[in-house]
Structures are given as C-alpha cells and as structure tokens.
Amino acid sequence: MSTAIWVVVALVVVAVLAAAGYLAMTRSRTARLRRRFGPEYDRVLERQGGRAAAERELRSREQRHEELELRDLDPGRREEYREQWIRVQERFVDAPEAAVEQADQLVTVVMGERGYPTHGFEEKAAHLSVEHGRTLEHYRRAHTISGKATTKEASTEDLRQAMVHYRALFEELLAPHGEAHRGKGEEHTAQDPAQHATPQNDQHAERRAAEHTDEHAGKHAAAPTGPATGPATGHRGDDRTMRS
C-alpha cells in the first residue's frame, strides 16, 4: 500500500476509536446520573426534551450542590425532631389539614438545619435531588396534596398519604449521611424507607409509614374531636422551632 492509503487507514482507526471512547463516556455518564437522580432523571429528561439538555441540567445541579455546606444533625437534635414529628402525627386525628401543613414546615426546618436552601419548592427540590433523588418523588407528591389541601380539595385519605410522603423524606434527612446513602452517585442502602421509587417498592414504603401513622392515630382515636389546639402542652420550644 502507498503511504497515503496507510495515512487514511490510520485516520479512520483513530476516528473509530475516538467515537467509541466518546460513546462509552456518555453511556457511563448517563448511567451514573440515572443512579444518582433516580426517577428525577426521567422527569428532567421529559421536561428538557432531550438527553443532552437533561444531563446538562443535572450536572449543573451537582455543581451548585457542591457549593452547599451540608451537615449532619447531632443525635440530640434528631431526637427532638422525631418527637416533634410524633406530635404532628398525633394531631392528624383531629386536624389533618393542619397536621399536613406542620409536616411540611417541619421538613423545611430540618432541611434548613442540614444546610439546604428553604425558599421556593422547585429550588428546594433541585438541591434535594442530588442526594435524595430516589426519595424526592415522595416530596413532590406531598407538595401536590398540600396544594390541594389549601383549596379544600384533598380528602382525608389524600392527607394521610401526604403524611406518609413527608415522613419518607423527613426520615432520610434526619439520618446521618452514611446511613441515608452509601455516597454520592450510589444507591441508597436498605435502611432507606424509600430506597427505590418503583411502584411496587413505593407501595411497600408507603405501607410501612402508613402503619406507623395509623398506630399513633389509633392511640388517640377516642379523643373528643374539636378545634385543633396545636402540639401537646409542655413543648412550646418545639412549636417555635417548627414555625421558624
């Protein structure tokens, strides 16, 4: 063969290898983002209308997330918040709409203490999606029901489901970083109550949380109904925390 032919062959081989390398890199990046963001990947893909644009958006979220100064809660604060959640859950019996509103407030308070932004639902969701992508769908569903509750369009069952959804994210936010997930870009551990946002596993997570809600509700079902009076007496400090 002439030198010119060898040059052409070499160029073709280099081009094929470069294309194969680029394809492998993009596939690897897509797989990583899918693992990290879970159902949120498909949501962004649908909204952006294309994989390239969707992945640019998700990588942008990762970059902004790196700028946050996130921190774990100390054990004492975790227990205080869990006690507050129990009181909110108990209030559901007599005032379900108020309980759902307080659940939303409590989740937001915990987000703020962890170091997440707390203004604007989509902004909160974007930052949460990086570390809590597989639980974020619970938060979105709870937010939707909360919106219906403000216009009196949510049934009692809808409100109960909102409590279940809020609880899934609440528990994950309370967990130390290593217990909530193995690390950035990896799957949640089996300790995560909403480990995979597939319909079957989502139902299991909801059923476990619902049983917890019903257990507390049952203890107070005999209580007389009437106007909600807020959390139990003796916890004014916790009530102030929720309103902050």
Protein backbone atom coordinates (compact mmCIF):
# COMPACT_ATOMS: atom_id res chain seq x y z
CA MET A 1 0.00 0.00 0.00
CA SER A 2 1.07 3.54 -0.57
CA THR A 3 1.83 5.90 2.27
CA ALA A 4 -1.33 7.88 1.55
CA ILE A 5 -3.51 4.81 2.00
CA TRP A 6 -1.83 3.97 5.32
CA VAL A 7 -2.47 7.53 6.49
CA VAL A 8 -6.16 7.27 5.56
CA VAL A 9 -6.47 3.91 7.33
CA ALA A 10 -4.79 5.32 10.43
CA LEU A 11 -7.10 8.31 10.46
CA VAL A 12 -10.17 6.07 10.14
CA VAL A 13 -8.97 3.87 13.01
CA VAL A 14 -8.33 6.91 15.20
CA ALA A 15 -11.77 8.30 14.37
CA VAL A 16 -13.46 4.98 15.19
CA LEU A 17 -11.59 4.69 18.48
CA ALA A 18 -12.44 8.28 19.39
CA ALA A 19 -16.11 7.72 18.59
CA ALA A 20 -16.14 4.51 20.63
CA GLY A 21 -14.47 6.26 23.54
CA TYR A 22 -16.93 9.15 23.41
CA LEU A 23 -19.88 6.75 23.27
CA ALA A 24 -18.56 4.78 26.24
CA MET A 25 -18.01 8.00 28.20
CA THR A 26 -21.52 9.31 27.52
CA ARG A 27 -23.07 5.96 28.40
CA SER A 28 -21.11 5.86 31.63
CA ARG A 29 -22.17 9.41 32.48
CA THR A 30 -25.80 8.63 31.72
CA ALA A 31 -25.69 5.51 33.91
CA ARG A 32 -24.11 7.48 36.75
CA LEU A 33 -26.70 10.25 36.57
CA ARG A 34 -29.54 7.72 36.43
CA ARG A 35 -28.18 6.01 39.56
CA ARG A 36 -27.79 9.26 41.38
CA PHE A 37 -31.02 11.01 40.47
CA GLY A 38 -33.33 8.01 40.11
CA PRO A 39 -36.84 8.97 38.88
CA GLU A 40 -35.77 12.62 38.78
CA TYR A 41 -33.60 11.81 35.74
CA ASP A 42 -36.67 10.82 33.72
CA ARG A 43 -38.61 13.84 34.98
CA VAL A 44 -35.89 16.23 33.83
CA LEU A 45 -35.47 14.31 30.56
CA GLU A 46 -39.16 14.76 29.78
CA ARG A 47 -39.12 18.43 30.73
CA GLN A 48 -35.95 19.26 28.79
CA GLY A 49 -36.98 17.24 25.73
CA GLY A 50 -33.59 15.62 25.16
CA ARG A 51 -30.85 13.68 26.92
CA ALA A 52 -28.07 16.20 26.34
CA ALA A 53 -30.08 19.11 27.76
CA ALA A 54 -31.35 17.00 30.67
CA GLU A 55 -27.86 15.89 31.63
CA ARG A 56 -26.54 19.45 31.44
CA GLU A 57 -29.27 20.44 33.88
CA LEU A 58 -28.44 17.58 36.25
CA ARG A 59 -24.70 18.28 36.14
CA SER A 60 -25.48 21.92 36.87
CA ARG A 61 -27.40 20.78 39.95
CA GLU A 62 -24.39 18.77 41.05
CA GLN A 63 -22.12 21.79 40.71
CA ARG A 64 -24.47 24.01 42.71
CA HIS A 65 -24.88 21.26 45.27
CA GLU A 66 -21.11 21.17 45.82
CA GLU A 67 -21.30 24.80 46.97
CA LEU A 68 -23.64 23.96 49.84
CA GLU A 69 -22.21 23.45 53.32
CA LEU A 70 -24.27 20.44 54.34
CA ARG A 71 -24.02 18.98 57.81
CA ASP A 72 -25.48 16.09 59.76
CA LEU A 73 -27.72 16.73 62.74
CA ASP A 74 -26.32 15.83 66.11
CA PRO A 75 -28.13 12.94 67.86
CA GLY A 76 -29.91 15.24 70.30
CA ARG A 77 -31.44 17.34 67.55
CA ARG A 78 -32.51 14.25 65.64
CA GLU A 79 -34.43 13.01 68.67
CA GLU A 80 -36.04 16.43 69.20
CA TYR A 81 -37.26 16.45 65.60
CA ARG A 82 -38.56 12.91 65.86
CA GLU A 83 -40.55 13.90 68.95
CA GLN A 84 -41.97 16.86 67.03
CA TRP A 85 -42.95 14.56 64.18
CA ILE A 86 -44.81 12.26 66.59
CA ARG A 87 -46.81 15.20 67.90
CA VAL A 88 -47.62 16.35 64.36
CA GLN A 89 -48.71 12.82 63.54
CA GLU A 90 -50.93 12.69 66.61
CA ARG A 91 -52.54 15.98 65.64
CA PHE A 92 -53.64 14.42 62.36
CA VAL A 93 -56.54 12.71 64.16
CA ASP A 94 -58.35 15.97 64.97
CA ALA A 95 -56.86 18.35 62.40
CA PRO A 96 -55.47 16.52 59.34
CA GLU A 97 -55.02 19.63 57.19
CA ALA A 98 -53.17 21.46 59.94
CA ALA A 99 -51.02 18.37 60.55
CA VAL A 100 -50.02 18.19 56.90
CA GLU A 101 -49.12 21.88 56.93
CA GLN A 102 -46.99 21.37 60.04
CA ALA A 103 -45.34 18.31 58.49
CA ASP A 104 -44.32 20.45 55.52
CA GLN A 105 -42.97 23.12 57.87
CA LEU A 106 -41.04 20.58 59.90
CA VAL A 107 -39.42 19.06 56.81
CA THR A 108 -38.41 22.56 55.70
CA VAL A 109 -36.93 23.35 59.13
CA VAL A 110 -34.84 20.17 59.04
CA MET A 111 -33.70 21.00 55.51
CA GLY A 112 -32.54 24.40 56.68
CA GLU A 113 -30.64 22.98 59.63
CA ARG A 114 -28.96 20.49 57.34
CA GLY A 115 -27.80 23.39 55.15
CA TYR A 116 -30.24 23.19 52.22
CA PRO A 117 -31.96 26.29 50.75
CA THR A 118 -35.52 26.60 52.04
CA HIS A 119 -37.14 29.07 49.62
CA GLY A 120 -39.14 28.05 46.56
CA PHE A 121 -40.31 24.47 46.11
CA GLU A 122 -38.52 23.84 42.80
CA GLU A 123 -35.29 25.27 44.19
CA LYS A 124 -35.55 23.00 47.22
CA ALA A 125 -36.38 20.03 45.03
CA ALA A 126 -33.44 20.70 42.70
CA HIS A 127 -30.95 20.69 45.58
CA LEU A 128 -32.55 17.69 47.28
CA SER A 129 -32.46 15.70 44.03
CA VAL A 130 -28.67 15.41 44.12
CA GLU A 131 -28.51 13.46 47.38
CA HIS A 132 -32.13 12.34 47.75
CA GLY A 133 -33.26 11.75 44.18
CA ARG A 134 -34.95 8.45 44.97
CA THR A 135 -36.97 9.97 47.80
CA LEU A 136 -37.76 13.24 46.05
CA GLU A 137 -40.88 11.81 44.40
CA HIS A 138 -42.40 11.47 47.87
CA TYR A 139 -41.76 15.16 48.49
CA ARG A 140 -43.31 16.12 45.16
CA ARG A 141 -46.43 14.08 45.87
CA ALA A 142 -46.76 15.56 49.35
CA HIS A 143 -46.38 19.06 47.92
CA THR A 144 -49.10 18.40 45.36
CA ILE A 145 -51.51 17.19 48.03
CA SER A 146 -50.66 20.16 50.25
CA GLY A 147 -51.64 22.44 47.39
CA LYS A 148 -54.98 20.66 47.08
CA ALA A 149 -55.46 20.96 50.85
CA THR A 150 -55.21 24.76 50.71
CA THR A 151 -58.21 24.81 48.38
CA LYS A 152 -60.09 22.16 50.40
CA GLU A 153 -59.81 19.66 47.53
CA ALA A 154 -57.86 17.00 49.43
CA SER A 155 -59.68 14.08 51.03
CA THR A 156 -58.69 12.65 54.40
CA GLU A 157 -57.03 9.76 52.60
CA ASP A 158 -55.10 12.22 50.41
CA LEU A 159 -53.91 13.98 53.54
CA ARG A 160 -52.88 10.71 55.14
CA GLN A 161 -50.85 9.90 52.04
CA ALA A 162 -49.21 13.32 52.27
CA MET A 163 -48.08 12.48 55.81
CA VAL A 164 -46.62 9.20 54.52
CA HIS A 165 -44.75 11.02 51.75
CA TYR A 166 -43.42 13.75 54.04
CA ARG A 167 -42.26 11.13 56.50
CA ALA A 168 -40.17 9.33 53.86
CA LEU A 169 -38.09 12.44 53.17
CA PHE A 170 -38.12 13.53 56.82
CA GLU A 171 -36.54 10.25 57.98
CA GLU A 172 -33.91 10.40 55.26
CA LEU A 173 -32.98 13.98 56.13
CA LEU A 174 -32.58 13.01 59.78
CA ALA A 175 -30.33 10.03 59.06
CA PRO A 176 -26.56 10.56 59.18
CA HIS A 177 -25.02 10.87 55.72
CA GLY A 178 -23.53 7.37 55.71
CA GLU A 179 -26.80 5.76 56.77
CA ALA A 180 -29.04 7.62 54.34
CA HIS A 181 -26.94 6.56 51.34
CA ARG A 182 -23.56 4.99 50.68
CA GLY A 183 -22.22 8.09 48.98
CA LYS A 184 -22.62 10.41 46.03
CA GLY A 185 -23.72 8.63 42.89
CA GLU A 186 -24.51 5.36 44.68
CA GLU A 187 -27.68 3.53 45.59
CA HIS A 188 -29.44 4.06 48.89
CA THR A 189 -28.97 1.35 51.49
CA ALA A 190 -31.73 -0.98 52.58
CA GLN A 191 -32.25 1.27 55.60
CA ASP A 192 -33.79 3.88 53.34
CA PRO A 193 -37.62 3.59 53.61
CA ALA A 194 -37.99 4.79 50.02
CA GLN A 195 -34.97 3.06 48.56
CA HIS A 196 -36.37 2.67 45.05
CA ALA A 197 -39.19 4.80 43.66
CA THR A 198 -40.69 1.99 41.64
CA PRO A 199 -44.45 1.45 42.08
CA GLN A 200 -44.05 -1.84 44.00
CA ASN A 201 -41.36 -0.64 46.39
CA ASP A 202 -43.05 2.73 46.72
CA GLN A 203 -46.17 0.94 47.95
CA HIS A 204 -44.12 -1.00 50.50
CA ALA A 205 -42.58 2.23 51.79
CA GLU A 206 -45.97 3.91 51.99
CA ARG A 207 -47.50 0.92 53.77
CA ARG A 208 -44.75 0.85 56.42
CA ALA A 209 -45.06 4.58 57.06
CA ALA A 210 -48.86 4.39 56.99
CA GLU A 211 -48.82 1.67 59.64
CA HIS A 212 -46.74 3.96 61.81
CA THR A 213 -49.19 6.81 61.25
CA ASP A 214 -52.21 4.60 61.96
CA GLU A 215 -50.57 3.26 65.10
CA HIS A 216 -50.34 6.75 66.57
CA ALA A 217 -53.76 7.70 65.27
CA GLY A 218 -55.29 4.66 66.97
CA LYS A 219 -53.97 5.71 70.33
CA HIS A 220 -55.88 8.96 70.06
CA ALA A 221 -58.99 7.91 68.16
CA ALA A 222 -61.08 8.04 71.32
CA ALA A 223 -60.15 11.64 72.00
CA PRO A 224 -63.00 14.14 71.53
CA THR A 225 -62.91 15.99 68.27
CA GLY A 226 -62.85 19.75 68.13
CA PRO A 227 -60.74 22.71 67.05
CA ALA A 228 -57.03 21.95 66.85
CA THR A 229 -55.09 23.42 69.73
CA GLY A 230 -51.57 22.74 68.50
CA PRO A 231 -48.87 20.45 69.90
CA ALA A 232 -49.12 18.98 73.35
CA THR A 233 -48.63 21.22 76.34
CA GLY A 234 -45.09 21.40 77.54
CA HIS A 235 -43.45 21.62 74.12
CA ARG A 236 -43.62 25.30 73.33
CA GLY A 237 -39.96 25.37 72.37
CA ASP A 238 -40.50 22.72 69.72
CA ASP A 239 -43.52 24.58 68.38
CA ARG A 240 -41.42 27.69 67.95
CA THR A 241 -38.85 25.65 66.07
CA MET A 242 -41.46 24.48 63.59
CA ARG A 243 -42.62 27.99 62.92
CA SER A 244 -39.11 29.28 62.35
